[in-house]
C-alpha atoms as a PDB file:
ATOM      1  CA  UNK A   1     -52.174 -25.052  50.083  1.00  0.00           C
ATOM      2  CA  UNK A   2     -53.551 -22.323  48.871  1.00  0.00           C
ATOM      3  CA  UNK A   3     -56.550 -22.690  46.385  1.00  0.00           C
ATOM      4  CA  UNK A   4     -55.036 -20.667  43.496  1.00  0.00           C
ATOM      5  CA  UNK A   5     -52.262 -23.580  43.672  1.00  0.00           C
ATOM      6  CA  UNK A   6     -54.265 -26.380  43.432  1.00  0.00           C
ATOM      7  CA  UNK A   7     -55.849 -24.680  40.528  1.00  0.00           C
ATOM      8  CA  UNK A   8     -52.939 -24.524  38.322  1.00  0.00           C
ATOM      9  CA  UNK A   9     -52.050 -28.109  39.605  1.00  0.00           C
ATOM     10  CA  UNK A  10     -55.038 -29.888  38.656  1.00  0.00           C
ATOM     11  CA  UNK A  11     -53.529 -28.095  34.471  1.00  0.00           C
ATOM     12  CA  UNK A  12     -50.817 -29.862  34.726  1.00  0.00           C
ATOM     13  CA  UNK A  13     -50.638 -33.401  33.262  1.00  0.00           C
ATOM     14  CA  UNK A  14     -50.607 -36.662  35.726  1.00  0.00           C
ATOM     15  CA  UNK A  15     -49.068 -38.594  33.511  1.00  0.00           C
ATOM     16  CA  UNK A  16     -46.544 -37.932  30.598  1.00  0.00           C
ATOM     17  CA  UNK A  17     -46.650 -39.721  27.260  1.00  0.00           C
ATOM     18  CA  UNK A  18     -43.522 -40.114  25.706  1.00  0.00           C
ATOM     19  CA  UNK A  19     -41.768 -41.273  21.879  1.00  0.00           C
ATOM     20  CA  UNK A  20     -38.358 -42.917  21.787  1.00  0.00           C
ATOM     21  CA  UNK A  21     -37.130 -45.110  19.032  1.00  0.00           C
ATOM     22  CA  UNK A  22     -36.673 -48.866  19.895  1.00  0.00           C
ATOM     23  CA  UNK A  23     -33.686 -50.074  19.883  1.00  0.00           C
ATOM     24  CA  UNK A  24     -33.212 -53.775  21.847  1.00  0.00           C
ATOM     25  CA  UNK A  25     -35.316 -56.740  22.746  1.00  0.00           C
ATOM     26  CA  UNK A  26     -34.404 -57.711  25.275  1.00  0.00           C
ATOM     27  CA  UNK A  27     -34.734 -61.646  26.824  1.00  0.00           C
ATOM     28  CA  UNK A  28     -37.436 -60.567  30.331  1.00  0.00           C
ATOM     29  CA  UNK A  29     -39.828 -59.189  28.068  1.00  0.00           C
ATOM     30  CA  UNK A  30     -38.511 -55.883  28.859  1.00  0.00           C
ATOM     31  CA  UNK A  31     -37.403 -53.614  25.436  1.00  0.00           C
ATOM     32  CA  UNK A  32     -34.308 -50.640  25.462  1.00  0.00           C
ATOM     33  CA  UNK A  33     -35.258 -47.583  24.245  1.00  0.00           C
ATOM     34  CA  UNK A  34     -33.463 -44.378  23.242  1.00  0.00           C
ATOM     35  CA  UNK A  35     -34.936 -40.751  23.694  1.00  0.00           C
ATOM     36  CA  UNK A  36     -33.907 -37.668  21.508  1.00  0.00           C
ATOM     37  CA  UNK A  37     -32.232 -36.638  23.507  1.00  0.00           C
ATOM     38  CA  UNK A  38     -29.540 -39.994  23.261  1.00  0.00           C
ATOM     39  CA  UNK A  39     -31.023 -40.967  26.996  1.00  0.00           C
ATOM     40  CA  UNK A  40     -31.359 -45.499  26.456  1.00  0.00           C
ATOM     41  CA  UNK A  41     -34.291 -46.354  29.738  1.00  0.00           C
ATOM     42  CA  UNK A  42     -35.167 -49.790  29.731  1.00  0.00           C
ATOM     43  CA  UNK A  43     -39.309 -50.147  29.707  1.00  0.00           C
ATOM     44  CA  UNK A  44     -41.748 -53.137  30.133  1.00  0.00           C
ATOM     45  CA  UNK A  45     -43.200 -54.751  26.204  1.00  0.00           C
ATOM     46  CA  UNK A  46     -42.238 -55.613  23.408  1.00  0.00           C
ATOM     47  CA  UNK A  47     -45.280 -54.976  21.103  1.00  0.00           C
ATOM     48  CA  UNK A  48     -42.588 -52.907  18.770  1.00  0.00           C
ATOM     49  CA  UNK A  49     -40.514 -53.920  16.762  1.00  0.00           C
ATOM     50  CA  UNK A  50     -36.541 -52.649  16.984  1.00  0.00           C
ATOM     51  CA  UNK A  51     -36.047 -49.628  15.039  1.00  0.00           C
ATOM     52  CA  UNK A  52     -39.836 -48.051  15.467  1.00  0.00           C
ATOM     53  CA  UNK A  53     -40.926 -45.112  17.521  1.00  0.00           C
ATOM     54  CA  UNK A  54     -43.455 -46.197  20.210  1.00  0.00           C
ATOM     55  CA  UNK A  55     -45.650 -44.448  23.393  1.00  0.00           C
ATOM     56  CA  UNK A  56     -44.026 -44.573  26.007  1.00  0.00           C
ATOM     57  CA  UNK A  57     -46.483 -44.575  29.690  1.00  0.00           C
ATOM     58  CA  UNK A  58     -45.662 -44.848  33.157  1.00  0.00           C
ATOM     59  CA  UNK A  59     -42.283 -46.517  31.980  1.00  0.00           C
ATOM     60  CA  UNK A  60     -44.025 -48.990  29.298  1.00  0.00           C
ATOM     61  CA  UNK A  61     -44.279 -49.362  25.580  1.00  0.00           C
ATOM     62  CA  UNK A  62     -48.355 -48.669  25.261  1.00  0.00           C
ATOM     63  CA  UNK A  63     -47.648 -48.690  21.630  1.00  0.00           C
ATOM     64  CA  UNK A  64     -46.817 -48.032  17.664  1.00  0.00           C
ATOM     65  CA  UNK A  65     -45.657 -43.840  17.366  1.00  0.00           C
ATOM     66  CA  UNK A  66     -45.636 -41.944  13.506  1.00  0.00           C
ATOM     67  CA  UNK A  67     -42.285 -41.104  12.823  1.00  0.00           C
ATOM     68  CA  UNK A  68     -41.433 -37.584  14.090  1.00  0.00           C
ATOM     69  CA  UNK A  69     -38.851 -34.757  13.534  1.00  0.00           C
ATOM     70  CA  UNK A  70     -37.607 -34.483  17.368  1.00  0.00           C
ATOM     71  CA  UNK A  71     -37.327 -31.395  18.610  1.00  0.00           C
ATOM     72  CA  UNK A  72     -35.723 -31.405  22.207  1.00  0.00           C
ATOM     73  CA  UNK A  73     -36.120 -28.330  24.652  1.00  0.00           C
ATOM     74  CA  UNK A  74     -33.818 -27.105  27.644  1.00  0.00           C
ATOM     75  CA  UNK A  75     -35.898 -25.869  30.343  1.00  0.00           C
END
């Protein structure tokens, strides 16, 4: 692998922090969240109330996120 490619990879984030809306709490300690594009995903944790936004990192709720206007970019 070239040195330039390794330098480029070092600039990329290792883990993505995303924001989604909590739509349900499940009986197994997980929550269902919905991303701005409409995708629903089951994640670990129930610390954020239904209807509120949550920070999601590595498939786990990490805390309450502020209300934001979603912007979806297709690349």
